[in-house]
PDB file of N, CA and C in Angstrom:
ATOM      1  N   MET A   1     158.672 122.074  62.229  1.00  0.00           N
ATOM      2  CA  MET A   1     159.708 121.529  62.049  1.00  0.00           C
ATOM      3  C   MET A   1     160.209 120.639  63.444  1.00  0.00           C
ATOM      4  N   HIS A   2     159.592 121.227  64.501  1.00  0.00           N
ATOM      5  CA  HIS A   2     159.719 120.347  65.766  1.00  0.00           C
ATOM      6  C   HIS A   2     159.231 118.971  65.605  1.00  0.00           C
ATOM      7  N   SER A   3     158.219 118.845  65.078  1.00  0.00           N
ATOM      8  CA  SER A   3     157.374 117.782  65.094  1.00  0.00           C
ATOM      9  C   SER A   3     158.240 116.714  63.818  1.00  0.00           C
ATOM     10  N   PHE A   4     158.608 117.093  62.712  1.00  0.00           N
ATOM     11  CA  PHE A   4     159.089 116.500  61.803  1.00  0.00           C
ATOM     12  C   PHE A   4     160.514 115.814  62.528  1.00  0.00           C
ATOM     13  N   ILE A   5     161.230 116.720  63.086  1.00  0.00           N
ATOM     14  CA  ILE A   5     162.439 116.106  63.529  1.00  0.00           C
ATOM     15  C   ILE A   5     162.096 115.053  64.927  1.00  0.00           C
ATOM     16  N   LYS A   6     160.946 115.221  65.534  1.00  0.00           N
ATOM     17  CA  LYS A   6     160.901 114.289  66.687  1.00  0.00           C
ATOM     18  C   LYS A   6     160.399 113.169  65.974  1.00  0.00           C
ATOM     19  N   ASN A   7     159.566 112.965  65.013  1.00  0.00           N
ATOM     20  CA  ASN A   7     158.923 111.993  64.250  1.00  0.00           C
ATOM     21  C   ASN A   7     159.732 111.068  63.452  1.00  0.00           C
ATOM     22  N   TYR A   8     160.747 111.926  62.922  1.00  0.00           N
ATOM     23  CA  TYR A   8     161.710 111.235  61.815  1.00  0.00           C
ATOM     24  C   TYR A   8     163.207 111.102  62.375  1.00  0.00           C
ATOM     25  N   TRP A   9     163.634 111.996  63.037  1.00  0.00           N
ATOM     26  CA  TRP A   9     165.046 112.203  63.273  1.00  0.00           C
ATOM     27  C   TRP A   9     165.351 112.115  64.780  1.00  0.00           C
ATOM     28  N   PHE A  10     164.297 111.752  65.539  1.00  0.00           N
ATOM     29  CA  PHE A  10     164.516 111.657  67.126  1.00  0.00           C
ATOM     30  C   PHE A  10     165.885 110.639  67.601  1.00  0.00           C
ATOM     31  N   ASP A  11     166.188 109.789  66.765  1.00  0.00           N
ATOM     32  CA  ASP A  11     167.326 108.893  67.276  1.00  0.00           C
ATOM     33  C   ASP A  11     168.567 109.797  67.002  1.00  0.00           C
ATOM     34  N   TRP A  12     168.708 110.916  66.029  1.00  0.00           N
ATOM     35  CA  TRP A  12     169.797 111.493  65.931  1.00  0.00           C
ATOM     36  C   TRP A  12     169.776 112.801  67.028  1.00  0.00           C
ATOM     37  N   PHE A  13     168.820 113.098  67.525  1.00  0.00           N
ATOM     38  CA  PHE A  13     168.417 114.001  68.529  1.00  0.00           C
ATOM     39  C   PHE A  13     167.570 113.467  69.501  1.00  0.00           C
ATOM     40  N   PRO A  14     168.243 112.792  70.380  1.00  0.00           N
ATOM     41  CA  PRO A  14     167.783 112.284  71.679  1.00  0.00           C
ATOM     42  C   PRO A  14     167.167 113.313  72.739  1.00  0.00           C
ATOM     43  N   ASP A  15     167.913 114.400  72.960  1.00  0.00           N
ATOM     44  CA  ASP A  15     168.056 115.558  73.685  1.00  0.00           C
ATOM     45  C   ASP A  15     167.202 116.387  73.196  1.00  0.00           C
ATOM     46  N   LEU A  16     166.389 116.406  72.167  1.00  0.00           N
ATOM     47  CA  LEU A  16     165.483 117.373  71.832  1.00  0.00           C
ATOM     48  C   LEU A  16     164.585 118.070  72.833  1.00  0.00           C
ATOM     49  N   PRO A  17     164.530 119.433  72.738  1.00  0.00           N
ATOM     50  CA  PRO A  17     163.926 120.109  74.072  1.00  0.00           C
ATOM     51  C   PRO A  17     162.458 120.136  73.602  1.00  0.00           C
ATOM     52  N   SER A  18     161.702 120.357  74.589  1.00  0.00           N
ATOM     53  CA  SER A  18     160.207 120.742  74.481  1.00  0.00           C
ATOM     54  C   SER A  18     159.920 121.473  73.214  1.00  0.00           C
ATOM     55  N   TYR A  19     158.813 121.269  72.491  1.00  0.00           N
ATOM     56  CA  TYR A  19     158.214 122.474  71.349  1.00  0.00           C
ATOM     57  C   TYR A  19     158.370 123.986  72.114  1.00  0.00           C
ATOM     58  N   GLN A  20     158.088 124.297  73.180  1.00  0.00           N
ATOM     59  CA  GLN A  20     158.033 125.349  73.857  1.00  0.00           C
ATOM     60  C   GLN A  20     159.585 126.128  74.052  1.00  0.00           C
ATOM     61  N   THR A  21     160.345 125.168  74.348  1.00  0.00           N
ATOM     62  CA  THR A  21     161.700 125.529  74.422  1.00  0.00           C
ATOM     63  C   THR A  21     162.391 125.881  73.031  1.00  0.00           C
ATOM     64  N   PHE A  22     162.250 124.906  72.143  1.00  0.00           N
ATOM     65  CA  PHE A  22     162.562 124.773  70.688  1.00  0.00           C
ATOM     66  C   PHE A  22     162.210 126.361  69.969  1.00  0.00           C
ATOM     67  N   VAL A  23     160.697 126.604  70.273  1.00  0.00           N
ATOM     68  CA  VAL A  23     160.431 127.988  69.937  1.00  0.00           C
ATOM     69  C   VAL A  23     160.893 129.097  70.462  1.00  0.00           C
ATOM     70  N   PHE A  24     161.169 129.004  71.653  1.00  0.00           N
ATOM     71  CA  PHE A  24     161.788 130.146  72.489  1.00  0.00           C
ATOM     72  C   PHE A  24     163.419 130.546  71.986  1.00  0.00           C
ATOM     73  N   ARG A  25     163.926 129.174  71.628  1.00  0.00           N
ATOM     74  CA  ARG A  25     165.380 129.211  70.888  1.00  0.00           C
ATOM     75  C   ARG A  25     165.488 129.932  69.634  1.00  0.00           C
ATOM     76  N   LEU A  26     164.540 129.395  69.060  1.00  0.00           N
ATOM     77  CA  LEU A  26     164.398 129.825  67.699  1.00  0.00           C
ATOM     78  C   LEU A  26     163.941 131.343  67.628  1.00  0.00           C
ATOM     79  N   ASN A  27     163.113 131.917  68.423  1.00  0.00           N
ATOM     80  CA  ASN A  27     162.705 133.464  68.681  1.00  0.00           C
ATOM     81  C   ASN A  27     164.009 134.162  69.000  1.00  0.00           C
ATOM     82  N   GLN A  28     164.984 133.322  69.650  1.00  0.00           N
ATOM     83  CA  GLN A  28     166.058 134.341  70.032  1.00  0.00           C
ATOM     84  C   GLN A  28     167.018 134.506  68.950  1.00  0.00           C
ATOM     85  N   LEU A  29     166.856 133.618  67.672  1.00  0.00           N
ATOM     86  CA  LEU A  29     167.676 133.974  66.490  1.00  0.00           C
ATOM     87  C   LEU A  29     167.268 135.239  65.952  1.00  0.00           C
ATOM     88  N   GLU A  30     166.128 135.589  66.179  1.00  0.00           N
ATOM     89  CA  GLU A  30     165.168 136.666  65.383  1.00  0.00           C
ATOM     90  C   GLU A  30     166.422 137.799  65.072  1.00  0.00           C
ATOM     91  N   PRO A  31     167.061 138.523  65.751  1.00  0.00           N
ATOM     92  CA  PRO A  31     168.126 139.566  65.343  1.00  0.00           C
ATOM     93  C   PRO A  31     169.018 139.008  64.485  1.00  0.00           C
ATOM     94  N   THR A  32     169.373 137.695  64.363  1.00  0.00           N
ATOM     95  CA  THR A  32     170.405 137.014  63.232  1.00  0.00           C
ATOM     96  C   THR A  32     169.559 137.342  61.895  1.00  0.00           C
ATOM     97  N   PHE A  33     168.538 136.931  61.873  1.00  0.00           N
ATOM     98  CA  PHE A  33     167.581 136.888  60.593  1.00  0.00           C
ATOM     99  C   PHE A  33     167.396 138.295  60.156  1.00  0.00           C
ATOM    100  N   GLN A  34     167.205 139.190  60.927  1.00  0.00           N
ATOM    101  CA  GLN A  34     167.192 140.607  60.664  1.00  0.00           C
ATOM    102  C   GLN A  34     168.557 141.059  60.104  1.00  0.00           C
ATOM    103  N   THR A  35     169.755 140.770  60.563  1.00  0.00           N
ATOM    104  CA  THR A  35     170.999 141.168  60.059  1.00  0.00           C
ATOM    105  C   THR A  35     171.329 140.368  58.951  1.00  0.00           C
ATOM    106  N   LEU A  36     170.872 139.222  58.619  1.00  0.00           N
ATOM    107  CA  LEU A  36     171.160 138.541  57.307  1.00  0.00           C
ATOM    108  C   LEU A  36     170.369 139.001  56.206  1.00  0.00           C
ATOM    109  N   GLY A  37     169.079 139.318  56.468  1.00  0.00           N
ATOM    110  CA  GLY A  37     168.024 139.855  55.711  1.00  0.00           C
ATOM    111  C   GLY A  37     168.700 141.443  55.222  1.00  0.00           C
ATOM    112  N   GLN A  38     169.065 142.134  55.996  1.00  0.00           N
ATOM    113  CA  GLN A  38     169.704 143.402  55.795  1.00  0.00           C
ATOM    114  C   GLN A  38     171.195 143.246  54.814  1.00  0.00           C
ATOM    115  N   VAL A  39     171.947 142.300  55.165  1.00  0.00           N
ATOM    116  CA  VAL A  39     173.081 141.923  54.317  1.00  0.00           C
ATOM    117  C   VAL A  39     172.916 141.797  52.973  1.00  0.00           C
ATOM    118  N   LEU A  40     171.874 140.965  52.659  1.00  0.00           N
ATOM    119  CA  LEU A  40     171.262 140.392  51.496  1.00  0.00           C
ATOM    120  C   LEU A  40     170.863 141.709  50.913  1.00  0.00           C
ATOM    121  N   ILE A  41     169.927 142.400  51.383  1.00  0.00           N
ATOM    122  CA  ILE A  41     169.287 143.429  50.665  1.00  0.00           C
ATOM    123  C   ILE A  41     170.238 144.630  50.089  1.00  0.00           C
ATOM    124  N   GLU A  42     171.351 144.859  51.083  1.00  0.00           N
ATOM    125  CA  GLU A  42     172.408 145.672  50.635  1.00  0.00           C
ATOM    126  C   GLU A  42     173.186 145.011  49.626  1.00  0.00           C
ATOM    127  N   SER A  43     173.040 143.775  49.264  1.00  0.00           N
ATOM    128  CA  SER A  43     174.176 143.197  48.122  1.00  0.00           C
ATOM    129  C   SER A  43     173.124 143.237  46.754  1.00  0.00           C
ATOM    130  N   LEU A  44     172.117 143.668  46.817  1.00  0.00           N
ATOM    131  CA  LEU A  44     171.232 143.718  45.568  1.00  0.00           C
ATOM    132  C   LEU A  44     171.219 145.079  44.962  1.00  0.00           C
ATOM    133  N   GLU A  45     170.871 145.005  43.880  1.00  0.00           N
ATOM    134  CA  GLU A  45     170.485 146.473  43.221  1.00  0.00           C
ATOM    135  C   GLU A  45     169.517 147.041  43.942  1.00  0.00           C
ATOM    136  N   PRO A  46     169.838 148.655  44.047  1.00  0.00           N
ATOM    137  CA  PRO A  46     168.734 149.202  44.865  1.00  0.00           C
ATOM    138  C   PRO A  46     167.209 149.051  44.444  1.00  0.00           C
ATOM    139  N   LYS A  47     166.927 148.905  43.005  1.00  0.00           N
ATOM    140  CA  LYS A  47     165.672 148.655  42.674  1.00  0.00           C
ATOM    141  C   LYS A  47     164.993 147.380  42.827  1.00  0.00           C
ATOM    142  N   LEU A  48     165.742 146.336  43.325  1.00  0.00           N
ATOM    143  CA  LEU A  48     165.280 144.963  43.562  1.00  0.00           C
ATOM    144  C   LEU A  48     164.933 144.916  45.317  1.00  0.00           C
ATOM    145  N   ALA A  49     165.854 146.047  45.821  1.00  0.00           N
ATOM    146  CA  ALA A  49     165.816 145.693  47.415  1.00  0.00           C
ATOM    147  C   ALA A  49     164.483 145.943  48.317  1.00  0.00           C
ATOM    148  N   THR A  50     163.781 147.132  47.198  1.00  0.00           N
ATOM    149  CA  THR A  50     162.292 147.050  47.833  1.00  0.00           C
ATOM    150  C   THR A  50     161.468 145.776  48.052  1.00  0.00           C
ATOM    151  N   GLU A  51     161.536 144.964  46.738  1.00  0.00           N
ATOM    152  CA  GLU A  51     160.837 143.801  46.516  1.00  0.00           C
ATOM    153  C   GLU A  51     161.392 142.736  47.578  1.00  0.00           C
ATOM    154  N   ILE A  52     162.754 142.781  48.042  1.00  0.00           N
ATOM    155  CA  ILE A  52     163.199 141.586  48.583  1.00  0.00           C
ATOM    156  C   ILE A  52     162.934 142.203  50.126  1.00  0.00           C
ATOM    157  N   ASN A  53     162.892 143.231  50.580  1.00  0.00           N
ATOM    158  CA  ASN A  53     162.455 143.746  51.876  1.00  0.00           C
ATOM    159  C   ASN A  53     160.919 143.201  52.279  1.00  0.00           C
ATOM    160  N   SER A  54     160.193 143.271  51.215  1.00  0.00           N
ATOM    161  CA  SER A  54     158.447 142.935  51.334  1.00  0.00           C
ATOM    162  C   SER A  54     158.683 141.464  51.745  1.00  0.00           C
ATOM    163  N   ILE A  55     159.682 140.561  51.075  1.00  0.00           N
ATOM    164  CA  ILE A  55     159.431 139.316  51.057  1.00  0.00           C
ATOM    165  C   ILE A  55     160.030 138.810  52.614  1.00  0.00           C
ATOM    166  N   VAL A  56     161.199 139.585  52.940  1.00  0.00           N
ATOM    167  CA  VAL A  56     161.474 139.508  54.244  1.00  0.00           C
ATOM    168  C   VAL A  56     160.654 139.666  55.303  1.00  0.00           C
ATOM    169  N   ASP A  57     160.077 140.585  55.230  1.00  0.00           N
ATOM    170  CA  ASP A  57     159.222 141.076  56.383  1.00  0.00           C
ATOM    171  C   ASP A  57     157.911 140.323  56.499  1.00  0.00           C
ATOM    172  N   SER A  58     157.607 139.585  55.308  1.00  0.00           N
ATOM    173  CA  SER A  58     156.346 138.841  55.073  1.00  0.00           C
ATOM    174  C   SER A  58     156.360 137.570  55.749  1.00  0.00           C
ATOM    175  N   LEU A  59     157.769 137.227  56.047  1.00  0.00           N
ATOM    176  CA  LEU A  59     157.953 135.683  56.527  1.00  0.00           C
ATOM    177  C   LEU A  59     158.330 135.680  57.953  1.00  0.00           C
ATOM    178  N   PRO A  60     157.398 135.390  58.941  1.00  0.00           N
ATOM    179  CA  PRO A  60     157.722 135.379  60.304  1.00  0.00           C
ATOM    180  C   PRO A  60     158.625 134.142  60.665  1.00  0.00           C
ATOM    181  N   VAL A  61     159.475 134.549  61.869  1.00  0.00           N
ATOM    182  CA  VAL A  61     160.495 133.516  62.136  1.00  0.00           C
ATOM    183  C   VAL A  61     159.677 132.144  62.364  1.00  0.00           C
ATOM    184  N   MET A  62     158.449 132.028  62.954  1.00  0.00           N
ATOM    185  CA  MET A  62     157.874 130.878  63.238  1.00  0.00           C
ATOM    186  C   MET A  62     157.717 129.998  62.252  1.00  0.00           C
ATOM    187  N   LEU A  63     157.677 130.446  60.904  1.00  0.00           N
ATOM    188  CA  LEU A  63     157.435 129.647  59.645  1.00  0.00           C
ATOM    189  C   LEU A  63     158.768 128.992  59.323  1.00  0.00           C
ATOM    190  N   ALA A  64     159.966 129.638  59.609  1.00  0.00           N
ATOM    191  CA  ALA A  64     161.273 129.228  59.244  1.00  0.00           C
ATOM    192  C   ALA A  64     161.520 127.980  60.219  1.00  0.00           C
TER     193      ALA A  64
END
């Protein structure tokens, strides 16, 4: 994501931080992703919750 923004959208984001800073900030959002995932799971039928929980757990934040 960082490379794409740097290569194609840099004019819009001239103060884009380094890759390391970008990843650090993204990792700081991890509790937010957990909360959003929990809200999503709670809004589904109980029988679907197990399937969705596996999907959420299998996607690391770095892929996001």
